[in-house]
Amino acid sequence: ILMFKKLFFAFLILTMIVVAGLAYKVWTWQTSPLQLSEERIDFTIPRGSSVRTVAELLAKHNVDVEPLMFTWYSRYTGQDKLLKAGAYEIKQGQTALDVLNMMASGDMSRRTILIVEGWNYKQIRSAIAANSDIQQTLSEVEDKQILERLNADPTITSLEGLLYPDTYVFVPGDSDFDIVRRAYTEGQKRLHSAWEQRQSDLPLNSPYEALILASIVEKETGHGEDRGKVAGVFVNRLNVKMPLQTDPTVIYGMGDKYQGRIRKVDLQTDTPWNTYTRNGLPPTPIASPGSLALAATLNPEKHKYYYFVSKGDGSSAFAENLRDHNRNVQVYILKKGTP
């Protein structure tokens, strides 16, 4: 009996030591900062990954979370069933427990991409394609198919102008279509909201026509005080069936042929977007307008101006007739005479 008591006591002491050691191990694992090879490590959990796979992948990325402990602890707490596929940013100073909690809560890393006001669709797609954090899936997809996937109006055949310029936050690994879809959805929301608040007597028959004109206003001036006045000039011209005669549409129609300047022959060369050779609006927008251009287009300043010319400082000089316009051209373009 004495021997049995001694063995039992020894076993009890040994168990307590093991339990204490294990508790200390867990405590250390929970509280000790990871030693990372870099300040930040980007890590992606593939879809369908088990907790063991995640632990092994972390180790391969030089994030020493002790895979066996990571796997055991996450199963013990039930967090193994909560791990979410996606991209995460692991930072110097975080513990293995911090990493587990981050992945179980889905606290993924974020990136941003900026679509600039006045960019055309080609520029937007180039920016998306150049972003290494975005999964590229549309390089071989025709615009018609993209429009169908967006459930766009079937009468619209171009994505030009449909993607709203803004800063979009995304998770690394999101696809290019995710960005396009979000920008399109935001653009439709902004366009229809502005359309609902439009002046009642505009020579515009649909939100899409408003988008076309807003894209021209966007490209014609970045001067806030002139937007409404510029829009008013174009509305006045449309009302009397006068050609818009706006250079940005000519440039858009030239495509890659444009090399920084417009010649007389360019103004005379007909394209669907040449508003010198054709009356009315061009068939599509020429860029993505921002909210200010949309607002100015749908609530333009009412005046009697039919002409404007750049002053060279971002603002414009306006005229009611061709005589005064030619005078403004002499002053501000040819630098002859005084204002």
Protein backbone atom coordinates (compact mmCIF):
# COMPACT_ATOMS: atom_id res chain seq x y z
CA ILE A 1 0.00 0.00 0.00
CA LEU A 2 2.83 2.36 0.89
CA MET A 3 4.46 1.66 -2.47
CA PHE A 4 1.15 2.35 -4.24
CA LYS A 5 0.80 5.67 -2.41
CA LYS A 6 4.33 6.64 -3.38
CA LEU A 7 3.70 5.78 -7.03
CA PHE A 8 0.38 7.63 -7.03
CA PHE A 9 2.00 10.70 -5.45
CA ALA A 10 4.84 10.60 -8.00
CA PHE A 11 2.33 10.28 -10.84
CA LEU A 12 0.34 13.20 -9.42
CA ILE A 13 3.44 15.36 -9.17
CA LEU A 14 4.47 14.40 -12.71
CA THR A 15 0.98 15.19 -14.03
CA MET A 16 1.02 18.57 -12.29
CA ILE A 17 4.41 19.32 -13.81
CA VAL A 18 3.19 18.32 -17.28
CA VAL A 19 -0.01 20.36 -16.89
CA ALA A 20 1.95 23.34 -15.59
CA GLY A 21 4.42 23.00 -18.43
CA LEU A 22 1.62 22.76 -20.96
CA ALA A 23 -0.15 25.76 -19.42
CA TYR A 24 3.08 27.73 -19.57
CA LYS A 25 3.59 26.63 -23.17
CA VAL A 26 0.08 27.77 -24.12
CA TRP A 27 0.50 31.04 -22.22
CA THR A 28 3.81 31.70 -23.96
CA TRP A 29 2.29 30.82 -27.34
CA GLN A 30 -0.59 33.22 -26.68
CA THR A 31 1.50 36.15 -25.49
CA SER A 32 4.91 35.99 -27.21
CA PRO A 33 5.29 38.20 -30.30
CA LEU A 34 6.13 36.31 -33.48
CA GLN A 35 9.60 36.83 -34.89
CA LEU A 36 8.94 37.84 -38.50
CA SER A 37 11.55 38.21 -41.23
CA GLU A 38 9.79 41.41 -42.40
CA GLU A 39 7.71 44.16 -40.83
CA ARG A 40 4.62 42.92 -42.67
CA ILE A 41 3.88 39.63 -44.38
CA ASP A 42 0.99 39.21 -46.80
CA PHE A 43 -0.68 35.85 -46.47
CA THR A 44 -3.64 34.32 -48.31
CA ILE A 45 -5.84 31.48 -47.10
CA PRO A 46 -7.01 29.53 -50.16
CA ARG A 47 -10.66 28.54 -50.26
CA GLY A 48 -11.37 25.16 -48.69
CA SER A 49 -8.18 25.08 -46.60
CA SER A 50 -8.18 23.06 -43.37
CA VAL A 51 -6.66 24.49 -40.22
CA ARG A 52 -3.70 22.12 -40.59
CA THR A 53 -3.13 23.40 -44.14
CA VAL A 54 -3.29 26.99 -42.93
CA ALA A 55 -0.76 26.27 -40.17
CA GLU A 56 1.63 24.61 -42.62
CA LEU A 57 1.28 27.46 -45.13
CA LEU A 58 2.03 29.98 -42.39
CA ALA A 59 5.20 28.10 -41.55
CA LYS A 60 6.22 28.10 -45.24
CA HIS A 61 5.79 31.89 -45.24
CA ASN A 62 8.21 32.12 -42.29
CA VAL A 63 5.43 32.84 -39.79
CA ASP A 64 6.38 30.49 -36.96
CA VAL A 65 3.03 29.92 -35.28
CA GLU A 66 4.14 26.40 -34.26
CA PRO A 67 1.78 24.50 -36.60
CA LEU A 68 0.92 21.74 -34.11
CA MET A 69 0.00 24.24 -31.38
CA PHE A 70 -1.89 26.45 -33.87
CA THR A 71 -3.89 23.45 -35.09
CA TRP A 72 -4.58 22.03 -31.62
CA TYR A 73 -5.53 25.36 -30.04
CA SER A 74 -7.86 26.38 -32.90
CA ARG A 75 -9.64 23.02 -32.69
CA TYR A 76 -9.89 23.26 -28.91
CA THR A 77 -11.51 26.73 -29.14
CA GLY A 78 -13.63 25.88 -32.19
CA GLN A 79 -11.94 28.58 -34.25
CA ASP A 80 -10.85 26.02 -36.84
CA LYS A 81 -14.41 26.13 -38.19
CA LEU A 82 -14.34 29.94 -38.41
CA LEU A 83 -11.18 30.49 -40.47
CA LYS A 84 -12.09 32.56 -43.52
CA ALA A 85 -10.44 32.35 -46.92
CA GLY A 86 -8.90 35.61 -48.05
CA ALA A 87 -5.88 37.89 -47.73
CA TYR A 88 -4.37 38.90 -44.39
CA GLU A 89 -1.56 41.18 -43.30
CA ILE A 90 0.55 39.78 -40.48
CA LYS A 91 2.53 42.46 -38.66
CA GLN A 92 5.62 42.49 -36.49
CA GLY A 93 4.57 42.38 -32.82
CA GLN A 94 1.52 40.15 -33.30
CA THR A 95 1.28 36.85 -31.44
CA ALA A 96 0.19 33.51 -32.89
CA LEU A 97 -3.11 34.00 -31.04
CA ASP A 98 -3.52 37.42 -32.69
CA VAL A 99 -3.07 35.77 -36.09
CA LEU A 100 -5.60 33.04 -35.27
CA ASN A 101 -8.17 35.56 -33.99
CA MET A 102 -7.64 37.74 -37.07
CA MET A 103 -8.28 34.84 -39.44
CA ALA A 104 -11.26 33.55 -37.46
CA SER A 105 -12.89 36.99 -37.44
CA GLY A 106 -12.16 37.59 -41.13
CA ASP A 107 -10.17 40.78 -40.44
CA MET A 108 -8.60 40.78 -43.88
CA SER A 109 -6.03 43.20 -45.23
CA ARG A 110 -7.28 45.97 -47.46
CA ARG A 111 -5.96 47.76 -50.54
CA THR A 112 -7.28 50.71 -52.51
CA ILE A 113 -7.48 51.59 -56.18
CA LEU A 114 -8.26 55.08 -57.46
CA ILE A 115 -10.34 55.71 -60.57
CA VAL A 116 -9.69 59.34 -61.47
CA GLU A 117 -12.42 61.71 -62.68
CA GLY A 118 -12.08 62.19 -66.42
CA TRP A 119 -10.31 58.89 -67.08
CA ASN A 120 -11.59 56.96 -70.06
CA TYR A 121 -12.37 53.25 -69.94
CA LYS A 122 -9.01 52.28 -71.43
CA GLN A 123 -7.18 54.16 -68.68
CA ILE A 124 -9.34 52.56 -65.99
CA ARG A 125 -8.75 49.05 -67.29
CA SER A 126 -5.00 49.72 -67.52
CA ALA A 127 -4.92 50.84 -63.87
CA ILE A 128 -6.81 47.73 -62.78
CA ALA A 129 -4.57 45.47 -64.87
CA ALA A 130 -1.43 47.07 -63.42
CA ASN A 131 -2.50 46.36 -59.82
CA SER A 132 -0.78 43.15 -58.72
CA ASP A 133 -3.22 42.68 -55.82
CA ILE A 134 -6.16 42.29 -58.21
CA GLN A 135 -6.85 38.93 -59.84
CA GLN A 136 -7.01 39.41 -63.61
CA THR A 137 -9.90 37.55 -65.25
CA LEU A 138 -11.14 39.90 -67.99
CA SER A 139 -8.14 40.18 -70.32
CA GLU A 140 -9.74 37.88 -72.90
CA VAL A 141 -13.36 38.89 -72.20
CA GLU A 142 -15.15 41.17 -74.66
CA ASP A 143 -16.87 44.30 -73.39
CA LYS A 144 -20.21 42.96 -74.64
CA GLN A 145 -19.88 39.97 -72.30
CA ILE A 146 -18.94 42.22 -69.39
CA LEU A 147 -22.02 44.37 -70.02
CA GLU A 148 -24.17 41.24 -70.05
CA ARG A 149 -22.68 40.10 -66.73
CA LEU A 150 -23.46 43.54 -65.30
CA ASN A 151 -27.07 43.28 -66.53
CA ALA A 152 -26.60 46.62 -68.26
CA ASP A 153 -29.19 48.12 -70.58
CA PRO A 154 -28.88 46.03 -73.79
CA THR A 155 -29.02 49.20 -75.92
CA ILE A 156 -25.71 50.31 -74.39
CA THR A 157 -22.78 48.81 -76.27
CA SER A 158 -19.80 50.47 -74.55
CA LEU A 159 -18.48 50.50 -71.00
CA GLU A 160 -17.15 54.00 -71.56
CA GLY A 161 -18.31 56.38 -68.83
CA LEU A 162 -20.15 53.70 -66.87
CA LEU A 163 -17.51 53.19 -64.16
CA TYR A 164 -17.79 55.83 -61.46
CA PRO A 165 -14.53 57.59 -60.52
CA ASP A 166 -13.77 57.03 -56.84
CA THR A 167 -11.41 55.27 -54.44
CA TYR A 168 -12.37 51.61 -54.04
CA VAL A 169 -11.24 49.49 -51.09
CA PHE A 170 -10.70 45.82 -51.84
CA VAL A 171 -9.16 42.67 -50.44
CA PRO A 172 -6.07 41.31 -52.25
CA GLY A 173 -7.28 38.52 -54.49
CA ASP A 174 -10.50 40.28 -55.49
CA SER A 175 -10.99 40.05 -59.24
CA ASP A 176 -10.95 42.80 -61.83
CA PHE A 177 -14.65 42.08 -62.43
CA ASP A 178 -15.31 42.76 -58.71
CA ILE A 179 -13.86 46.26 -59.15
CA VAL A 180 -15.67 46.86 -62.45
CA ARG A 181 -18.98 45.67 -60.97
CA ARG A 182 -18.67 47.94 -57.93
CA ALA A 183 -17.69 50.96 -60.03
CA TYR A 184 -20.56 50.28 -62.44
CA THR A 185 -23.08 49.89 -59.60
CA GLU A 186 -21.91 53.11 -57.97
CA GLY A 187 -22.05 54.89 -61.32
CA GLN A 188 -25.63 53.80 -61.94
CA LYS A 189 -26.66 54.90 -58.47
CA ARG A 190 -25.06 58.34 -58.86
CA LEU A 191 -26.39 58.84 -62.38
CA HIS A 192 -29.98 57.97 -61.57
CA SER A 193 -29.91 60.04 -58.38
CA ALA A 194 -28.71 63.08 -60.36
CA TRP A 195 -31.27 62.38 -63.10
CA GLU A 196 -34.10 62.45 -60.56
CA GLN A 197 -32.99 65.94 -59.48
CA ARG A 198 -32.58 67.38 -63.00
CA GLN A 199 -34.07 70.54 -64.45
CA SER A 200 -37.31 69.80 -66.25
CA ASP A 201 -36.57 71.48 -69.59
CA LEU A 202 -33.29 69.86 -70.63
CA PRO A 203 -32.76 68.59 -74.21
CA LEU A 204 -31.76 65.19 -72.81
CA ASN A 205 -33.98 62.16 -73.29
CA SER A 206 -32.40 59.65 -70.91
CA PRO A 207 -29.89 59.23 -68.08
CA TYR A 208 -27.43 57.82 -70.64
CA GLU A 209 -27.60 61.01 -72.71
CA ALA A 210 -26.97 62.95 -69.50
CA LEU A 211 -23.92 60.76 -68.87
CA ILE A 212 -22.61 61.50 -72.37
CA LEU A 213 -22.93 65.25 -71.90
CA ALA A 214 -21.51 65.09 -68.37
CA SER A 215 -18.42 63.33 -69.69
CA ILE A 216 -17.87 66.23 -72.10
CA VAL A 217 -18.33 68.78 -69.30
CA GLU A 218 -15.85 66.79 -67.19
CA LYS A 219 -13.20 66.94 -69.92
CA GLU A 220 -13.84 70.57 -70.87
CA THR A 221 -13.22 72.15 -67.47
CA GLY A 222 -11.78 71.36 -64.08
CA HIS A 223 -12.65 74.83 -62.86
CA GLY A 224 -15.49 74.37 -60.38
CA GLU A 225 -17.04 77.78 -60.90
CA ASP A 226 -17.27 77.22 -64.67
CA ARG A 227 -18.87 73.75 -64.75
CA GLY A 228 -22.46 74.94 -64.62
CA LYS A 229 -21.75 77.68 -67.16
CA VAL A 230 -19.99 75.28 -69.57
CA ALA A 231 -22.89 72.84 -69.26
CA GLY A 232 -25.23 75.74 -70.01
CA VAL A 233 -23.36 76.48 -73.26
CA PHE A 234 -23.81 72.90 -74.46
CA VAL A 235 -27.49 72.86 -73.45
CA ASN A 236 -28.03 76.12 -75.36
CA ARG A 237 -26.38 74.62 -78.43
CA LEU A 238 -28.43 71.43 -78.25
CA ASN A 239 -31.61 73.45 -77.92
CA VAL A 240 -30.98 75.27 -81.22
CA LYS A 241 -29.50 72.23 -83.02
CA MET A 242 -26.06 73.85 -83.12
CA PRO A 243 -23.01 71.54 -83.26
CA LEU A 244 -21.30 71.15 -79.89
CA GLN A 245 -17.86 71.62 -81.48
CA THR A 246 -15.90 70.43 -78.47
CA ASP A 247 -12.28 69.33 -78.84
CA PRO A 248 -12.29 66.50 -76.26
CA THR A 249 -14.77 64.54 -78.41
CA VAL A 250 -12.49 64.93 -81.43
CA ILE A 251 -9.53 63.71 -79.37
CA TYR A 252 -11.53 60.70 -78.17
CA GLY A 253 -12.49 59.82 -81.75
CA MET A 254 -8.84 60.05 -82.85
CA GLY A 255 -7.84 57.35 -80.36
CA ASP A 256 -4.14 56.50 -80.50
CA LYS A 257 -3.66 58.92 -83.41
CA TYR A 258 -3.83 61.82 -80.98
CA GLN A 259 -0.31 62.94 -80.11
CA GLY A 260 -0.95 66.02 -77.98
CA ARG A 261 -2.33 68.50 -80.48
CA ILE A 262 -5.34 68.86 -82.78
CA ARG A 263 -4.79 70.02 -86.36
CA LYS A 264 -7.36 71.53 -88.69
CA VAL A 265 -7.52 68.27 -90.61
CA ASP A 266 -8.43 66.46 -87.39
CA LEU A 267 -11.41 68.77 -86.88
CA GLN A 268 -12.50 67.99 -90.43
CA THR A 269 -12.00 64.22 -90.28
CA ASP A 270 -15.31 62.60 -89.48
CA THR A 271 -15.66 60.05 -86.67
CA PRO A 272 -18.77 59.14 -84.65
CA TRP A 273 -17.40 61.38 -81.85
CA ASN A 274 -16.43 64.40 -83.97
CA THR A 275 -18.86 67.08 -82.81
CA TYR A 276 -17.55 69.46 -85.49
CA THR A 277 -18.73 67.20 -88.32
CA ARG A 278 -21.84 65.84 -86.59
CA ASN A 279 -24.73 67.47 -84.76
CA GLY A 280 -26.01 66.40 -81.37
CA LEU A 281 -24.38 64.17 -78.78
CA PRO A 282 -21.75 61.57 -79.66
CA PRO A 283 -22.84 57.91 -79.40
CA THR A 284 -21.09 57.22 -76.07
CA PRO A 285 -19.47 59.10 -73.20
CA ILE A 286 -15.82 60.01 -73.72
CA ALA A 287 -14.75 59.56 -70.07
CA SER A 288 -16.05 58.86 -66.58
CA PRO A 289 -17.58 62.02 -65.11
CA GLY A 290 -17.59 62.74 -61.39
CA SER A 291 -20.53 63.84 -59.28
CA LEU A 292 -19.85 67.57 -59.80
CA ALA A 293 -19.92 67.22 -63.59
CA LEU A 294 -23.14 65.20 -63.36
CA ALA A 295 -24.74 67.81 -61.11
CA ALA A 296 -23.67 70.67 -63.39
CA THR A 297 -24.96 68.90 -66.49
CA LEU A 298 -28.38 68.18 -65.05
CA ASN A 299 -28.72 71.59 -63.41
CA PRO A 300 -26.81 73.86 -65.77
CA GLU A 301 -26.53 77.60 -65.37
CA LYS A 302 -29.13 79.42 -67.46
CA HIS A 303 -27.60 82.13 -69.63
CA LYS A 304 -27.30 83.25 -73.26
CA TYR A 305 -23.75 82.05 -73.93
CA TYR A 306 -23.04 79.83 -76.95
CA TYR A 307 -19.24 80.01 -76.94
CA PHE A 308 -16.36 79.69 -74.52
CA VAL A 309 -12.60 79.55 -74.76
CA SER A 310 -9.92 78.67 -72.22
CA LYS A 311 -8.13 81.57 -70.59
CA GLY A 312 -5.10 79.40 -69.93
CA ASP A 313 -5.50 79.42 -66.15
CA GLY A 314 -8.15 76.72 -65.92
CA SER A 315 -11.07 79.13 -66.27
CA SER A 316 -12.93 80.13 -69.45
CA ALA A 317 -14.11 83.26 -71.20
CA PHE A 318 -17.73 83.09 -72.42
CA ALA A 319 -19.47 84.84 -75.29
CA GLU A 320 -23.02 85.17 -76.57
CA ASN A 321 -22.06 85.55 -80.24
CA LEU A 322 -19.33 84.63 -82.68
CA ARG A 323 -17.92 88.17 -82.87
CA ASP A 324 -17.24 88.29 -79.12
CA HIS A 325 -15.95 84.73 -79.18
CA ASN A 326 -13.43 85.55 -81.92
CA ARG A 327 -12.28 88.49 -79.82
CA ASN A 328 -11.75 86.14 -76.86
CA VAL A 329 -9.77 83.78 -79.09
CA GLN A 330 -7.53 86.69 -80.14
CA VAL A 331 -6.92 87.65 -76.51
CA TYR A 332 -6.57 84.28 -74.78
CA ILE A 333 -5.36 81.92 -77.52
CA LEU A 334 -3.45 84.14 -79.94
CA LYS A 335 -2.34 86.53 -77.16
CA LYS A 336 -3.27 89.63 -79.18
CA GLY A 337 -5.00 92.54 -77.50
CA THR A 338 -6.26 92.91 -73.95
CA PRO A 339 -9.33 91.48 -72.19
